[in-house]
Amino acid sequence: MYGWGERRPADTVSFFVQLGVPEAASRWIAAYLSERGHLFKQWGADEKATQLAQSLHEGVWFSAGDIDT
């Protein structure tokens, strides 16, 4: 994950659950990110590269065909 960016949800666990991630996994992911930070930070990536990657994904949604979700 690239981190939360400007749109970090107040309840990160509920955010993952709403995306369809099982609650136990959602809790683990939220705790992992809270304790260690996003992956680019862990890898020592340049902050500008991190911001570029975030900008490509933050707030992006798409649909495929006629599905409702």
C-alpha atoms as a PDB file:
ATOM      1  CA  MET A   1       0.000   0.000   0.000  1.00  0.00           C
ATOM      2  CA  TYR A   2       1.098   3.528  -0.703  1.00  0.00           C
ATOM      3  CA  GLY A   3      -0.359   4.905   2.510  1.00  0.00           C
ATOM      4  CA  TRP A   4      -3.551   6.825   3.144  1.00  0.00           C
ATOM      5  CA  GLY A   5      -2.768  10.127   1.508  1.00  0.00           C
ATOM      6  CA  GLU A   6      -5.183  12.988   2.145  1.00  0.00           C
ATOM      7  CA  ARG A   7      -8.264  10.768   2.475  1.00  0.00           C
ATOM      8  CA  ARG A   8      -7.430   8.562   5.447  1.00  0.00           C
ATOM      9  CA  PRO A   9     -10.693   7.153   6.801  1.00  0.00           C
ATOM     10  CA  ALA A  10     -11.459   7.702  10.491  1.00  0.00           C
ATOM     11  CA  ASP A  11     -12.057   3.959  10.952  1.00  0.00           C
ATOM     12  CA  THR A  12      -9.557   2.125   8.774  1.00  0.00           C
ATOM     13  CA  VAL A  13     -10.801  -1.329   9.766  1.00  0.00           C
ATOM     14  CA  SER A  14     -14.354  -0.518   8.645  1.00  0.00           C
ATOM     15  CA  PHE A  15     -12.951   0.908   5.419  1.00  0.00           C
ATOM     16  CA  PHE A  16     -11.317  -2.409   4.534  1.00  0.00           C
ATOM     17  CA  VAL A  17     -14.394  -4.389   5.610  1.00  0.00           C
ATOM     18  CA  GLN A  18     -16.568  -2.250   3.308  1.00  0.00           C
ATOM     19  CA  LEU A  19     -14.210  -3.182   0.472  1.00  0.00           C
ATOM     20  CA  GLY A  20     -14.914  -6.857   1.157  1.00  0.00           C
ATOM     21  CA  VAL A  21     -11.803  -7.701   3.185  1.00  0.00           C
ATOM     22  CA  PRO A  22     -12.602 -10.107   6.050  1.00  0.00           C
ATOM     23  CA  GLU A  23     -12.631  -8.371   9.442  1.00  0.00           C
ATOM     24  CA  ALA A  24      -9.667 -10.292  10.864  1.00  0.00           C
ATOM     25  CA  ALA A  25      -7.549  -9.419   7.839  1.00  0.00           C
ATOM     26  CA  SER A  26      -8.789  -5.814   7.966  1.00  0.00           C
ATOM     27  CA  ARG A  27      -7.644  -5.507  11.570  1.00  0.00           C
ATOM     28  CA  TRP A  28      -4.244  -6.972  10.711  1.00  0.00           C
ATOM     29  CA  ILE A  29      -3.730  -4.641   7.728  1.00  0.00           C
ATOM     30  CA  ALA A  30      -4.798  -1.547   9.698  1.00  0.00           C
ATOM     31  CA  ALA A  31      -2.491  -2.451  12.607  1.00  0.00           C
ATOM     32  CA  TYR A  32       0.403  -3.221  10.252  1.00  0.00           C
ATOM     33  CA  LEU A  33       0.123   0.138   8.493  1.00  0.00           C
ATOM     34  CA  SER A  34      -0.298   1.980  11.788  1.00  0.00           C
ATOM     35  CA  GLU A  35       2.794   0.360  13.316  1.00  0.00           C
ATOM     36  CA  ARG A  36       5.116   0.271  10.310  1.00  0.00           C
ATOM     37  CA  GLY A  37       3.875   2.856   7.835  1.00  0.00           C
ATOM     38  CA  HIS A  38       3.219   2.316   4.163  1.00  0.00           C
ATOM     39  CA  LEU A  39       5.397   0.017   2.073  1.00  0.00           C
ATOM     40  CA  PHE A  40       7.249   2.719   0.149  1.00  0.00           C
ATOM     41  CA  LYS A  41       8.345   4.240   3.470  1.00  0.00           C
ATOM     42  CA  GLN A  42       9.512   0.822   4.676  1.00  0.00           C
ATOM     43  CA  TRP A  43      11.492   0.344   1.471  1.00  0.00           C
ATOM     44  CA  GLY A  44      13.130   3.765   1.770  1.00  0.00           C
ATOM     45  CA  ALA A  45      11.625   5.069  -1.471  1.00  0.00           C
ATOM     46  CA  ASP A  46      12.015   8.731  -2.296  1.00  0.00           C
ATOM     47  CA  GLU A  47       9.072  10.805  -1.017  1.00  0.00           C
ATOM     48  CA  LYS A  48       8.432  12.262  -4.479  1.00  0.00           C
ATOM     49  CA  ALA A  49       8.090   8.749  -5.922  1.00  0.00           C
ATOM     50  CA  THR A  50       5.647   7.896  -3.148  1.00  0.00           C
ATOM     51  CA  GLN A  51       3.572  11.003  -3.844  1.00  0.00           C
ATOM     52  CA  LEU A  52       3.524  10.202  -7.564  1.00  0.00           C
ATOM     53  CA  ALA A  53       2.315   6.644  -6.925  1.00  0.00           C
ATOM     54  CA  GLN A  54      -0.343   7.917  -4.504  1.00  0.00           C
ATOM     55  CA  SER A  55      -1.616  10.472  -6.989  1.00  0.00           C
ATOM     56  CA  LEU A  56      -2.173   7.744  -9.577  1.00  0.00           C
ATOM     57  CA  HIS A  57      -4.406   5.759  -7.221  1.00  0.00           C
ATOM     58  CA  GLU A  58      -6.004   8.054  -4.656  1.00  0.00           C
ATOM     59  CA  GLY A  59      -9.693   8.526  -5.286  1.00  0.00           C
ATOM     60  CA  VAL A  60      -9.648   6.418  -8.443  1.00  0.00           C
ATOM     61  CA  TRP A  61     -12.644   4.157  -8.980  1.00  0.00           C
ATOM     62  CA  PHE A  62     -13.753   2.229 -12.019  1.00  0.00           C
ATOM     63  CA  SER A  63     -16.503  -0.067 -13.161  1.00  0.00           C
ATOM     64  CA  ALA A  64     -16.414  -3.125 -15.345  1.00  0.00           C
ATOM     65  CA  GLY A  65     -19.368  -3.862 -17.571  1.00  0.00           C
ATOM     66  CA  ASP A  66     -22.782  -3.541 -15.977  1.00  0.00           C
ATOM     67  CA  ILE A  67     -21.901  -4.685 -12.454  1.00  0.00           C
ATOM     68  CA  ASP A  68     -23.209  -2.540  -9.608  1.00  0.00           C
ATOM     69  CA  THR A  69     -20.206  -2.812  -7.279  1.00  0.00           C
END
